[in-house]
Amino acid sequence: MGAQWKAKPKEAAANARGKIFGRLVKEIMIAARNGADPDMNPKLRMAVHQAKKASMPKETLERAIKKGAGLLGETVHFERTTYEGFAPHRVPVIVECLTDNINRTVAEIRVLFRKGQLGASGSVSWDFDYLGMIEAAPTSADADAELAAIEAGAQDFEEAEEGATLFLSDPTDMDTVSRALPDYGFTVQSAHLGYRPKSPVTTLTAAELEEVEAFLEAIDAHDDVQNVYVGLAG
């Protein structure tokens, strides 16, 4: 969840725990619209998996499912909206939001983009691939990532942090790949749909990079923002 341009230090992630839970609760509520049983609802199953990985309290998780499914007599009005544009120095950015007030959100996102450039739909997404991203850790030294990718139906794979492997899939195959990987020696740690840049920017100076990161952090801090994807190397 959240910013995709760099791995935040563990201390910062801990400080942002409340925001992480808030984002996860929204995803769970949206997914639960299609049913409160994770076994019958792939999107909810993935959202629950992410929440458990983040150590969300059980009562918070269960309430989010019930509220999203309409079992508490409340109606969920969150809508998903995506904004595209450029950070400073023409770095492409895609921002995904969940909001209960689109007019408020778009007005506030426009203000945040004043140091960059807010574009129309499709203005930068053509330069990204939309993929299923499944991060999984080997359960033994014998686990073969290439074999697992082929057998599970992933399109590709690459090394991730702390010895894990990132398996890439077609968006429609993400749940199938996630469920198959344990049979080939991998434990799924996270799975989500997201954007990967085709040709990330690699020519920024240290000062320019600092300016871009400040812009991205301001975007990511907005309450309605769920994910930020950026065409930036590293």
C-alpha atoms as a PDB file:
ATOM      1  CA  MET A   1       0.000   0.000   0.000  1.00  0.00           C
ATOM      2  CA  GLY A   2       0.970   3.634  -0.293  1.00  0.00           C
ATOM      3  CA  ALA A   3       4.061   5.042  -1.944  1.00  0.00           C
ATOM      4  CA  GLN A   4       5.785   2.826  -4.465  1.00  0.00           C
ATOM      5  CA  TRP A   5       8.833   4.964  -5.304  1.00  0.00           C
ATOM      6  CA  LYS A   6      11.009   3.870  -2.398  1.00  0.00           C
ATOM      7  CA  ALA A   7      11.011   1.547   0.584  1.00  0.00           C
ATOM      8  CA  LYS A   8      10.328   3.549   3.711  1.00  0.00           C
ATOM      9  CA  PRO A   9      12.422   2.896   6.828  1.00  0.00           C
ATOM     10  CA  LYS A  10      10.804   0.641   9.395  1.00  0.00           C
ATOM     11  CA  GLU A  11      10.569   3.542  11.842  1.00  0.00           C
ATOM     12  CA  ALA A  12       8.564   5.630   9.370  1.00  0.00           C
ATOM     13  CA  ALA A  13       6.315   2.674   8.567  1.00  0.00           C
ATOM     14  CA  ALA A  14       5.613   2.205  12.274  1.00  0.00           C
ATOM     15  CA  ASN A  15       4.750   5.890  12.683  1.00  0.00           C
ATOM     16  CA  ALA A  16       2.365   5.644   9.719  1.00  0.00           C
ATOM     17  CA  ARG A  17       0.564   2.571  11.069  1.00  0.00           C
ATOM     18  CA  GLY A  18      -2.720   4.393  11.559  1.00  0.00           C
ATOM     19  CA  LYS A  19      -2.673   5.634   7.974  1.00  0.00           C
ATOM     20  CA  ILE A  20      -1.824   2.148   6.695  1.00  0.00           C
ATOM     21  CA  PHE A  21      -4.767   0.694   8.626  1.00  0.00           C
ATOM     22  CA  GLY A  22      -7.035   3.415   7.251  1.00  0.00           C
ATOM     23  CA  ARG A  23      -6.069   2.527   3.692  1.00  0.00           C
ATOM     24  CA  LEU A  24      -6.503  -1.180   4.314  1.00  0.00           C
ATOM     25  CA  VAL A  25      -9.919  -0.666   5.902  1.00  0.00           C
ATOM     26  CA  LYS A  26     -11.083   1.177   2.783  1.00  0.00           C
ATOM     27  CA  GLU A  27      -9.828  -1.626   0.511  1.00  0.00           C
ATOM     28  CA  ILE A  28     -11.544  -4.249   2.669  1.00  0.00           C
ATOM     29  CA  MET A  29     -14.830  -2.348   2.675  1.00  0.00           C
ATOM     30  CA  ILE A  30     -14.787  -1.896  -1.094  1.00  0.00           C
ATOM     31  CA  ALA A  31     -13.924  -5.571  -1.673  1.00  0.00           C
ATOM     32  CA  ALA A  32     -16.594  -6.775   0.781  1.00  0.00           C
ATOM     33  CA  ARG A  33     -19.306  -5.233  -1.386  1.00  0.00           C
ATOM     34  CA  ASN A  34     -19.068  -8.437  -3.434  1.00  0.00           C
ATOM     35  CA  GLY A  35     -19.473 -10.723  -0.436  1.00  0.00           C
ATOM     36  CA  ALA A  36     -18.209 -11.094   3.120  1.00  0.00           C
ATOM     37  CA  ASP A  37     -16.643 -14.555   2.646  1.00  0.00           C
ATOM     38  CA  PRO A  38     -12.949 -14.261   1.648  1.00  0.00           C
ATOM     39  CA  ASP A  39     -12.984 -17.830   0.287  1.00  0.00           C
ATOM     40  CA  MET A  40     -15.597 -16.804  -2.273  1.00  0.00           C
ATOM     41  CA  ASN A  41     -14.284 -13.287  -2.910  1.00  0.00           C
ATOM     42  CA  PRO A  42     -10.696 -13.108  -4.299  1.00  0.00           C
ATOM     43  CA  LYS A  43     -10.368  -9.336  -3.877  1.00  0.00           C
ATOM     44  CA  LEU A  44     -11.479  -9.542  -0.259  1.00  0.00           C
ATOM     45  CA  ARG A  45      -9.138 -12.472   0.340  1.00  0.00           C
ATOM     46  CA  MET A  46      -6.170 -10.409  -0.848  1.00  0.00           C
ATOM     47  CA  ALA A  47      -7.241  -7.377   1.191  1.00  0.00           C
ATOM     48  CA  VAL A  48      -7.606  -9.534   4.321  1.00  0.00           C
ATOM     49  CA  HIS A  49      -4.184 -11.069   3.678  1.00  0.00           C
ATOM     50  CA  GLN A  50      -2.648  -7.588   3.500  1.00  0.00           C
ATOM     51  CA  ALA A  51      -4.421  -6.526   6.685  1.00  0.00           C
ATOM     52  CA  LYS A  52      -3.192  -9.566   8.590  1.00  0.00           C
ATOM     53  CA  LYS A  53       0.335  -8.978   7.340  1.00  0.00           C
ATOM     54  CA  ALA A  54       0.107  -5.427   8.710  1.00  0.00           C
ATOM     55  CA  SER A  55      -1.078  -6.846  12.086  1.00  0.00           C
ATOM     56  CA  MET A  56      -4.477  -5.188  11.919  1.00  0.00           C
ATOM     57  CA  PRO A  57      -6.520  -6.015  15.053  1.00  0.00           C
ATOM     58  CA  LYS A  58      -9.053  -8.775  14.462  1.00  0.00           C
ATOM     59  CA  GLU A  59     -11.993  -6.649  15.578  1.00  0.00           C
ATOM     60  CA  THR A  60     -11.007  -3.847  13.166  1.00  0.00           C
ATOM     61  CA  LEU A  61     -10.737  -6.331  10.305  1.00  0.00           C
ATOM     62  CA  GLU A  62     -14.064  -8.004  11.043  1.00  0.00           C
ATOM     63  CA  ARG A  63     -15.879  -4.682  11.418  1.00  0.00           C
ATOM     64  CA  ALA A  64     -14.511  -3.459   8.080  1.00  0.00           C
ATOM     65  CA  ILE A  65     -15.766  -6.624   6.354  1.00  0.00           C
ATOM     66  CA  LYS A  66     -19.216  -6.372   7.921  1.00  0.00           C
ATOM     67  CA  LYS A  67     -19.506  -2.662   7.205  1.00  0.00           C
ATOM     68  CA  GLY A  68     -18.445  -3.097   3.579  1.00  0.00           C
ATOM     69  CA  ALA A  69     -20.868  -5.973   3.090  1.00  0.00           C
ATOM     70  CA  GLY A  70     -23.717  -3.908   4.520  1.00  0.00           C
ATOM     71  CA  LEU A  71     -24.164  -6.165   7.543  1.00  0.00           C
ATOM     72  CA  LEU A  72     -24.090  -3.271  10.028  1.00  0.00           C
ATOM     73  CA  GLY A  73     -26.889  -1.298   8.423  1.00  0.00           C
ATOM     74  CA  GLU A  74     -24.452   1.278   7.035  1.00  0.00           C
ATOM     75  CA  THR A  75     -23.885   2.108   3.364  1.00  0.00           C
ATOM     76  CA  VAL A  76     -20.376   2.515   1.967  1.00  0.00           C
ATOM     77  CA  HIS A  77     -20.000   5.368  -0.520  1.00  0.00           C
ATOM     78  CA  PHE A  78     -16.296   5.193  -1.334  1.00  0.00           C
ATOM     79  CA  GLU A  79     -15.435   5.594  -5.014  1.00  0.00           C
ATOM     80  CA  ARG A  80     -12.156   4.750  -6.688  1.00  0.00           C
ATOM     81  CA  THR A  81     -10.566   7.470  -8.788  1.00  0.00           C
ATOM     82  CA  THR A  82      -7.187   7.756 -10.514  1.00  0.00           C
ATOM     83  CA  TYR A  83      -5.148  10.853 -11.392  1.00  0.00           C
ATOM     84  CA  GLU A  84      -2.224  11.060 -13.798  1.00  0.00           C
ATOM     85  CA  GLY A  85       0.400  13.701 -14.314  1.00  0.00           C
ATOM     86  CA  PHE A  86       3.978  14.683 -13.671  1.00  0.00           C
ATOM     87  CA  ALA A  87       6.061  15.389 -10.613  1.00  0.00           C
ATOM     88  CA  PRO A  88       8.753  18.078 -10.957  1.00  0.00           C
ATOM     89  CA  HIS A  89      11.275  17.417 -13.748  1.00  0.00           C
ATOM     90  CA  ARG A  90       8.697  15.549 -15.855  1.00  0.00           C
ATOM     91  CA  VAL A  91       8.649  12.397 -13.742  1.00  0.00           C
ATOM     92  CA  PRO A  92       5.383  10.530 -14.544  1.00  0.00           C
ATOM     93  CA  VAL A  93       3.048   9.793 -11.632  1.00  0.00           C
ATOM     94  CA  ILE A  94      -0.174   7.808 -11.189  1.00  0.00           C
ATOM     95  CA  VAL A  95      -2.198   8.435  -8.015  1.00  0.00           C
ATOM     96  CA  GLU A  96      -4.983   6.088  -6.914  1.00  0.00           C
ATOM     97  CA  CYS A  97      -7.587   7.382  -4.456  1.00  0.00           C
ATOM     98  CA  LEU A  98     -10.616   6.093  -2.572  1.00  0.00           C
ATOM     99  CA  THR A  99     -12.944   8.916  -1.633  1.00  0.00           C
ATOM    100  CA  ASP A 100     -16.418   9.659  -0.331  1.00  0.00           C
ATOM    101  CA  ASN A 101     -16.347  13.083  -2.026  1.00  0.00           C
ATOM    102  CA  ILE A 102     -14.805  13.221  -5.511  1.00  0.00           C
ATOM    103  CA  ASN A 103     -15.235  16.994  -5.859  1.00  0.00           C
ATOM    104  CA  ARG A 104     -13.251  17.607  -2.673  1.00  0.00           C
ATOM    105  CA  THR A 105     -10.573  15.118  -3.628  1.00  0.00           C
ATOM    106  CA  VAL A 106      -9.958  16.411  -7.142  1.00  0.00           C
ATOM    107  CA  ALA A 107      -9.745  20.002  -5.862  1.00  0.00           C
ATOM    108  CA  GLU A 108      -7.162  19.024  -3.251  1.00  0.00           C
ATOM    109  CA  ILE A 109      -5.172  16.851  -5.670  1.00  0.00           C
ATOM    110  CA  ARG A 110      -5.015  19.797  -8.104  1.00  0.00           C
ATOM    111  CA  VAL A 111      -3.459  21.924  -5.359  1.00  0.00           C
ATOM    112  CA  LEU A 112      -0.877  19.219  -4.590  1.00  0.00           C
ATOM    113  CA  PHE A 113       0.039  18.996  -8.273  1.00  0.00           C
ATOM    114  CA  ARG A 114       0.839  22.716  -8.554  1.00  0.00           C
ATOM    115  CA  LYS A 115       4.544  21.939  -8.230  1.00  0.00           C
ATOM    116  CA  GLY A 116       4.162  19.400 -11.009  1.00  0.00           C
ATOM    117  CA  GLN A 117       1.520  19.036 -13.702  1.00  0.00           C
ATOM    118  CA  LEU A 118      -1.849  17.278 -13.466  1.00  0.00           C
ATOM    119  CA  GLY A 119      -2.708  15.558 -16.746  1.00  0.00           C
ATOM    120  CA  ALA A 120      -5.751  13.995 -18.366  1.00  0.00           C
ATOM    121  CA  SER A 121      -6.638  10.311 -18.145  1.00  0.00           C
ATOM    122  CA  GLY A 122      -4.165   8.339 -20.256  1.00  0.00           C
ATOM    123  CA  SER A 123      -1.541  11.089 -20.265  1.00  0.00           C
ATOM    124  CA  VAL A 124       1.087   8.921 -18.550  1.00  0.00           C
ATOM    125  CA  SER A 125      -0.508   5.487 -18.002  1.00  0.00           C
ATOM    126  CA  TRP A 126       0.563   4.446 -21.514  1.00  0.00           C
ATOM    127  CA  ASP A 127       4.119   4.423 -20.158  1.00  0.00           C
ATOM    128  CA  PHE A 128       3.255   1.932 -17.386  1.00  0.00           C
ATOM    129  CA  ASP A 129       2.315  -1.746 -17.342  1.00  0.00           C
ATOM    130  CA  TYR A 130      -0.691  -2.694 -15.203  1.00  0.00           C
ATOM    131  CA  LEU A 131       0.155  -5.983 -13.500  1.00  0.00           C
ATOM    132  CA  GLY A 132      -0.502  -8.317 -10.628  1.00  0.00           C
ATOM    133  CA  MET A 133       2.433  -8.076  -8.214  1.00  0.00           C
ATOM    134  CA  ILE A 134       2.866 -11.015  -5.853  1.00  0.00           C
ATOM    135  CA  GLU A 135       5.711 -10.940  -3.353  1.00  0.00           C
ATOM    136  CA  ALA A 136       6.536 -14.361  -1.953  1.00  0.00           C
ATOM    137  CA  ALA A 137       9.284 -15.861   0.184  1.00  0.00           C
ATOM    138  CA  PRO A 138      10.834 -19.306  -0.415  1.00  0.00           C
ATOM    139  CA  THR A 139      10.006 -21.898   2.225  1.00  0.00           C
ATOM    140  CA  SER A 140      13.260 -23.780   1.613  1.00  0.00           C
ATOM    141  CA  ALA A 141      16.634 -23.357  -0.058  1.00  0.00           C
ATOM    142  CA  ASP A 142      15.462 -25.677  -2.835  1.00  0.00           C
ATOM    143  CA  ALA A 143      12.591 -23.449  -3.953  1.00  0.00           C
ATOM    144  CA  ASP A 144      13.055 -22.566  -7.633  1.00  0.00           C
ATOM    145  CA  ALA A 145      11.568 -19.169  -8.543  1.00  0.00           C
ATOM    146  CA  GLU A 146      11.736 -19.771 -12.290  1.00  0.00           C
ATOM    147  CA  LEU A 147       9.955 -23.117 -12.027  1.00  0.00           C
ATOM    148  CA  ALA A 148       7.381 -21.642  -9.646  1.00  0.00           C
ATOM    149  CA  ALA A 149       6.697 -18.745 -12.034  1.00  0.00           C
ATOM    150  CA  ILE A 150       6.175 -21.092 -14.984  1.00  0.00           C
ATOM    151  CA  GLU A 151       4.009 -23.598 -13.126  1.00  0.00           C
ATOM    152  CA  ALA A 152       1.928 -21.000 -11.271  1.00  0.00           C
ATOM    153  CA  GLY A 153       1.243 -19.011 -14.452  1.00  0.00           C
ATOM    154  CA  ALA A 154       3.231 -15.838 -13.723  1.00  0.00           C
ATOM    155  CA  GLN A 155       4.497 -13.734 -16.628  1.00  0.00           C
ATOM    156  CA  ASP A 156       7.865 -12.999 -15.054  1.00  0.00           C
ATOM    157  CA  PHE A 157       9.700 -12.768 -11.748  1.00  0.00           C
ATOM    158  CA  GLU A 158      12.533 -10.787 -10.163  1.00  0.00           C
ATOM    159  CA  GLU A 159      14.377 -10.535  -6.883  1.00  0.00           C
ATOM    160  CA  ALA A 160      12.692  -8.584  -4.106  1.00  0.00           C
ATOM    161  CA  GLU A 161      13.912  -7.445  -0.709  1.00  0.00           C
ATOM    162  CA  GLU A 162      15.079  -9.758   2.094  1.00  0.00           C
ATOM    163  CA  GLY A 163      15.377 -12.828  -0.100  1.00  0.00           C
ATOM    164  CA  ALA A 164      11.809 -12.709  -1.410  1.00  0.00           C
ATOM    165  CA  THR A 165      10.740 -12.962  -5.065  1.00  0.00           C
ATOM    166  CA  LEU A 166       8.348 -10.649  -6.892  1.00  0.00           C
ATOM    167  CA  PHE A 167       6.146 -12.598  -9.303  1.00  0.00           C
ATOM    168  CA  LEU A 168       4.437 -10.572 -12.039  1.00  0.00           C
ATOM    169  CA  SER A 169       1.157 -11.686 -13.582  1.00  0.00           C
ATOM    170  CA  ASP A 170      -1.658 -10.616 -15.825  1.00  0.00           C
ATOM    171  CA  PRO A 171      -4.158  -8.718 -13.616  1.00  0.00           C
ATOM    172  CA  THR A 172      -6.812 -11.400 -14.112  1.00  0.00           C
ATOM    173  CA  ASP A 173      -4.379 -14.158 -13.076  1.00  0.00           C
ATOM    174  CA  MET A 174      -3.140 -12.632  -9.814  1.00  0.00           C
ATOM    175  CA  ASP A 175      -5.377 -14.667  -7.514  1.00  0.00           C
ATOM    176  CA  THR A 176      -4.675 -17.907  -9.406  1.00  0.00           C
ATOM    177  CA  VAL A 177      -0.904 -17.362  -9.233  1.00  0.00           C
ATOM    178  CA  SER A 178      -1.080 -16.435  -5.545  1.00  0.00           C
ATOM    179  CA  ARG A 179      -2.955 -19.611  -4.687  1.00  0.00           C
ATOM    180  CA  ALA A 180      -0.615 -21.799  -6.748  1.00  0.00           C
ATOM    181  CA  LEU A 181       2.734 -20.516  -5.434  1.00  0.00           C
ATOM    182  CA  PRO A 182       2.632 -22.412  -2.079  1.00  0.00           C
ATOM    183  CA  ASP A 183       2.571 -25.668  -4.067  1.00  0.00           C
ATOM    184  CA  TYR A 184       5.986 -24.729  -5.477  1.00  0.00           C
ATOM    185  CA  GLY A 185       7.715 -23.725  -2.266  1.00  0.00           C
ATOM    186  CA  PHE A 186       6.743 -20.053  -1.817  1.00  0.00           C
ATOM    187  CA  THR A 187       4.708 -18.295   0.880  1.00  0.00           C
ATOM    188  CA  VAL A 188       2.808 -15.262  -0.408  1.00  0.00           C
ATOM    189  CA  GLN A 189       3.568 -12.130   1.631  1.00  0.00           C
ATOM    190  CA  SER A 190       1.557  -9.605  -0.375  1.00  0.00           C
ATOM    191  CA  ALA A 191      -0.389  -9.354  -3.604  1.00  0.00           C
ATOM    192  CA  HIS A 192      -1.841  -6.320  -5.323  1.00  0.00           C
ATOM    193  CA  LEU A 193      -2.581  -4.824  -8.713  1.00  0.00           C
ATOM    194  CA  GLY A 194      -0.396  -1.904  -9.649  1.00  0.00           C
ATOM    195  CA  TYR A 195       1.599   0.015 -12.218  1.00  0.00           C
ATOM    196  CA  ARG A 196       5.237  -0.476 -13.198  1.00  0.00           C
ATOM    197  CA  PRO A 197       7.040   2.092 -15.367  1.00  0.00           C
ATOM    198  CA  LYS A 198       8.211   0.931 -18.779  1.00  0.00           C
ATOM    199  CA  SER A 199      10.981   3.519 -19.060  1.00  0.00           C
ATOM    200  CA  PRO A 200      11.727   5.082 -15.657  1.00  0.00           C
ATOM    201  CA  VAL A 201      13.569   8.371 -15.375  1.00  0.00           C
ATOM    202  CA  THR A 202      17.254   7.834 -14.513  1.00  0.00           C
ATOM    203  CA  THR A 203      18.881  11.235 -15.073  1.00  0.00           C
ATOM    204  CA  LEU A 204      17.927  13.288 -12.010  1.00  0.00           C
ATOM    205  CA  THR A 205      20.541  15.029  -9.917  1.00  0.00           C
ATOM    206  CA  ALA A 206      20.509  14.587  -6.131  1.00  0.00           C
ATOM    207  CA  ALA A 207      18.828  17.975  -5.713  1.00  0.00           C
ATOM    208  CA  GLU A 208      16.187  17.178  -8.349  1.00  0.00           C
ATOM    209  CA  LEU A 209      15.513  13.791  -6.763  1.00  0.00           C
ATOM    210  CA  GLU A 210      14.996  15.455  -3.386  1.00  0.00           C
ATOM    211  CA  GLU A 211      12.483  17.829  -4.946  1.00  0.00           C
ATOM    212  CA  VAL A 212      10.592  14.941  -6.568  1.00  0.00           C
ATOM    213  CA  GLU A 213      10.506  12.965  -3.308  1.00  0.00           C
ATOM    214  CA  ALA A 214       9.126  15.954  -1.388  1.00  0.00           C
ATOM    215  CA  PHE A 215       6.367  16.267  -3.989  1.00  0.00           C
ATOM    216  CA  LEU A 216       5.554  12.548  -3.772  1.00  0.00           C
ATOM    217  CA  GLU A 217       5.507  12.549   0.014  1.00  0.00           C
ATOM    218  CA  ALA A 218       3.002  15.417   0.019  1.00  0.00           C
ATOM    219  CA  ILE A 219       0.765  13.471  -2.371  1.00  0.00           C
ATOM    220  CA  ASP A 220       1.078  10.276  -0.345  1.00  0.00           C
ATOM    221  CA  ALA A 221       0.142  12.064   2.887  1.00  0.00           C
ATOM    222  CA  HIS A 222      -3.326  12.970   1.567  1.00  0.00           C
ATOM    223  CA  ASP A 223      -6.044  11.020   3.381  1.00  0.00           C
ATOM    224  CA  ASP A 224      -7.795   9.872   0.185  1.00  0.00           C
ATOM    225  CA  VAL A 225      -4.643   8.592  -1.529  1.00  0.00           C
ATOM    226  CA  GLN A 226      -4.278   4.809  -1.548  1.00  0.00           C
ATOM    227  CA  ASN A 227      -1.294   4.265  -3.846  1.00  0.00           C
ATOM    228  CA  VAL A 228       1.299   6.371  -5.643  1.00  0.00           C
ATOM    229  CA  TYR A 229       3.192   4.958  -8.643  1.00  0.00           C
ATOM    230  CA  VAL A 230       6.071   6.830 -10.203  1.00  0.00           C
ATOM    231  CA  GLY A 231       8.264   6.388 -13.268  1.00  0.00           C
ATOM    232  CA  LEU A 232      11.504   6.727 -11.362  1.00  0.00           C
ATOM    233  CA  ALA A 233      14.412   4.300 -11.393  1.00  0.00           C
ATOM    234  CA  GLY A 234      15.281   2.655  -8.093  1.00  0.00           C
END
